[in-house]
Amino acid sequence: MSEGLKGSCDEGSLGECAACGKETELFELPGREENFCDECSADIATSILLSTEIDEATRTGAETSGLVAEFLQLGRRLLSRAQL
């Protein structure tokens, strides 16, 4: 098993991505039960980080519009991929 920034992947672990449904090599994200393809795992990991940053910016009264725009873009990309 290899470890990386996106979690882990069993060599040759194929299955259906929990987000987009594509049959491909799957990756685990820490703290998540679902397995995702490379593209979805990257977007989901990024959305988790953005969500944390948005919460912190909101808490401190900082500007959030750029972070929210990026979060929405990620959501659209995931939705688009899931509808293919």
C-alpha atoms as a PDB file:
ATOM      1  CA  MET A   1       0.000   0.000   0.000  1.00  0.00           C
ATOM      2  CA  SER A   2       1.356   3.448  -0.872  1.00  0.00           C
ATOM      3  CA  GLU A   3       0.806   6.546   1.242  1.00  0.00           C
ATOM      4  CA  GLY A   4       0.454  10.051  -0.162  1.00  0.00           C
ATOM      5  CA  LEU A   5      -1.148  13.420   0.321  1.00  0.00           C
ATOM      6  CA  LYS A   6      -4.507  12.114  -0.854  1.00  0.00           C
ATOM      7  CA  GLY A   7      -4.615   9.188   1.534  1.00  0.00           C
ATOM      8  CA  SER A   8      -3.776   5.675   0.490  1.00  0.00           C
ATOM      9  CA  CYS A   9      -4.314   3.288  -2.351  1.00  0.00           C
ATOM     10  CA  ASP A  10      -3.965  -0.450  -2.500  1.00  0.00           C
ATOM     11  CA  GLU A  11      -1.939  -1.383  -5.560  1.00  0.00           C
ATOM     12  CA  GLY A  12      -4.403  -2.611  -8.164  1.00  0.00           C
ATOM     13  CA  SER A  13      -7.438  -1.648  -6.036  1.00  0.00           C
ATOM     14  CA  LEU A  14     -10.173  -1.123  -8.598  1.00  0.00           C
ATOM     15  CA  GLY A  15     -13.783  -0.271  -7.970  1.00  0.00           C
ATOM     16  CA  GLU A  16     -16.474   2.333  -8.407  1.00  0.00           C
ATOM     17  CA  CYS A  17     -15.760   5.877  -7.221  1.00  0.00           C
ATOM     18  CA  ALA A  18     -18.230   6.898  -4.503  1.00  0.00           C
ATOM     19  CA  ALA A  19     -18.571  10.387  -6.018  1.00  0.00           C
ATOM     20  CA  CYS A  20     -18.581   9.992  -9.808  1.00  0.00           C
ATOM     21  CA  GLY A  21     -19.195   6.276 -10.247  1.00  0.00           C
ATOM     22  CA  LYS A  22     -16.229   5.774 -12.562  1.00  0.00           C
ATOM     23  CA  GLU A  23     -14.728   2.272 -12.484  1.00  0.00           C
ATOM     24  CA  THR A  24     -11.049   2.922 -11.776  1.00  0.00           C
ATOM     25  CA  GLU A  25      -8.246   2.740  -9.227  1.00  0.00           C
ATOM     26  CA  LEU A  26      -9.589   3.987  -5.890  1.00  0.00           C
ATOM     27  CA  PHE A  27      -8.063   6.017  -3.080  1.00  0.00           C
ATOM     28  CA  GLU A  28      -8.972   6.320   0.591  1.00  0.00           C
ATOM     29  CA  LEU A  29      -9.180   9.677   2.322  1.00  0.00           C
ATOM     30  CA  PRO A  30      -8.394   9.819   6.049  1.00  0.00           C
ATOM     31  CA  GLY A  31     -11.587   9.888   8.089  1.00  0.00           C
ATOM     32  CA  ARG A  32     -13.803   8.827   5.162  1.00  0.00           C
ATOM     33  CA  GLU A  33     -15.334   5.409   4.615  1.00  0.00           C
ATOM     34  CA  GLU A  34     -15.885   5.927   0.885  1.00  0.00           C
ATOM     35  CA  ASN A  35     -13.227   5.354  -1.778  1.00  0.00           C
ATOM     36  CA  PHE A  36     -12.703   7.818  -4.608  1.00  0.00           C
ATOM     37  CA  CYS A  37     -10.956   8.055  -7.970  1.00  0.00           C
ATOM     38  CA  ASP A  38      -7.864  10.239  -8.233  1.00  0.00           C
ATOM     39  CA  GLU A  39      -9.742  13.303  -9.519  1.00  0.00           C
ATOM     40  CA  CYS A  40     -12.555  13.134  -6.984  1.00  0.00           C
ATOM     41  CA  SER A  41     -10.241  12.405  -4.064  1.00  0.00           C
ATOM     42  CA  ALA A  42      -8.204  15.518  -4.904  1.00  0.00           C
ATOM     43  CA  ASP A  43     -11.330  17.679  -5.168  1.00  0.00           C
ATOM     44  CA  ILE A  44     -12.873  16.290  -1.978  1.00  0.00           C
ATOM     45  CA  ALA A  45      -9.646  16.745  -0.009  1.00  0.00           C
ATOM     46  CA  THR A  46      -9.424  20.321  -1.299  1.00  0.00           C
ATOM     47  CA  SER A  47     -13.067  21.000  -0.424  1.00  0.00           C
ATOM     48  CA  ILE A  48     -12.483  19.764   3.140  1.00  0.00           C
ATOM     49  CA  LEU A  49      -9.551  22.170   3.492  1.00  0.00           C
ATOM     50  CA  LEU A  50     -11.506  25.046   1.934  1.00  0.00           C
ATOM     51  CA  SER A  51     -14.430  24.413   4.266  1.00  0.00           C
ATOM     52  CA  THR A  52     -12.102  24.661   7.256  1.00  0.00           C
ATOM     53  CA  GLU A  53     -10.566  27.874   5.888  1.00  0.00           C
ATOM     54  CA  ILE A  54     -14.011  29.393   5.220  1.00  0.00           C
ATOM     55  CA  ASP A  55     -15.143  28.554   8.759  1.00  0.00           C
ATOM     56  CA  GLU A  56     -12.015  30.109  10.241  1.00  0.00           C
ATOM     57  CA  ALA A  57     -12.283  33.243   8.075  1.00  0.00           C
ATOM     58  CA  THR A  58     -15.943  33.624   9.037  1.00  0.00           C
ATOM     59  CA  ARG A  59     -15.091  33.199  12.711  1.00  0.00           C
ATOM     60  CA  THR A  60     -12.436  35.916  12.554  1.00  0.00           C
ATOM     61  CA  GLY A  61     -14.439  38.259  10.333  1.00  0.00           C
ATOM     62  CA  ALA A  62     -12.072  37.924   7.363  1.00  0.00           C
ATOM     63  CA  GLU A  63     -13.123  38.109   3.712  1.00  0.00           C
ATOM     64  CA  THR A  64     -14.455  34.777   2.433  1.00  0.00           C
ATOM     65  CA  SER A  65     -15.711  35.511  -1.096  1.00  0.00           C
ATOM     66  CA  GLY A  66     -12.623  34.117  -2.866  1.00  0.00           C
ATOM     67  CA  LEU A  67     -12.672  30.940  -0.777  1.00  0.00           C
ATOM     68  CA  VAL A  68     -16.419  30.497  -1.290  1.00  0.00           C
ATOM     69  CA  ALA A  69     -16.025  30.976  -5.063  1.00  0.00           C
ATOM     70  CA  GLU A  70     -13.334  28.295  -5.176  1.00  0.00           C
ATOM     71  CA  PHE A  71     -15.482  25.976  -3.035  1.00  0.00           C
ATOM     72  CA  LEU A  72     -18.430  26.436  -5.422  1.00  0.00           C
ATOM     73  CA  GLN A  73     -16.194  25.743  -8.418  1.00  0.00           C
ATOM     74  CA  LEU A  74     -15.051  22.467  -6.828  1.00  0.00           C
ATOM     75  CA  GLY A  75     -18.658  21.511  -6.149  1.00  0.00           C
ATOM     76  CA  ARG A  76     -19.627  22.173  -9.756  1.00  0.00           C
ATOM     77  CA  ARG A  77     -16.684  20.111 -10.990  1.00  0.00           C
ATOM     78  CA  LEU A  78     -17.652  17.158  -8.755  1.00  0.00           C
ATOM     79  CA  LEU A  79     -21.296  17.402  -9.817  1.00  0.00           C
ATOM     80  CA  SER A  80     -20.351  17.595 -13.485  1.00  0.00           C
ATOM     81  CA  ARG A  81     -18.111  14.534 -13.167  1.00  0.00           C
ATOM     82  CA  ALA A  82     -20.875  12.604 -11.362  1.00  0.00           C
ATOM     83  CA  GLN A  83     -23.389  13.341 -14.137  1.00  0.00           C
ATOM     84  CA  LEU A  84     -21.207  11.976 -16.965  1.00  0.00           C
END
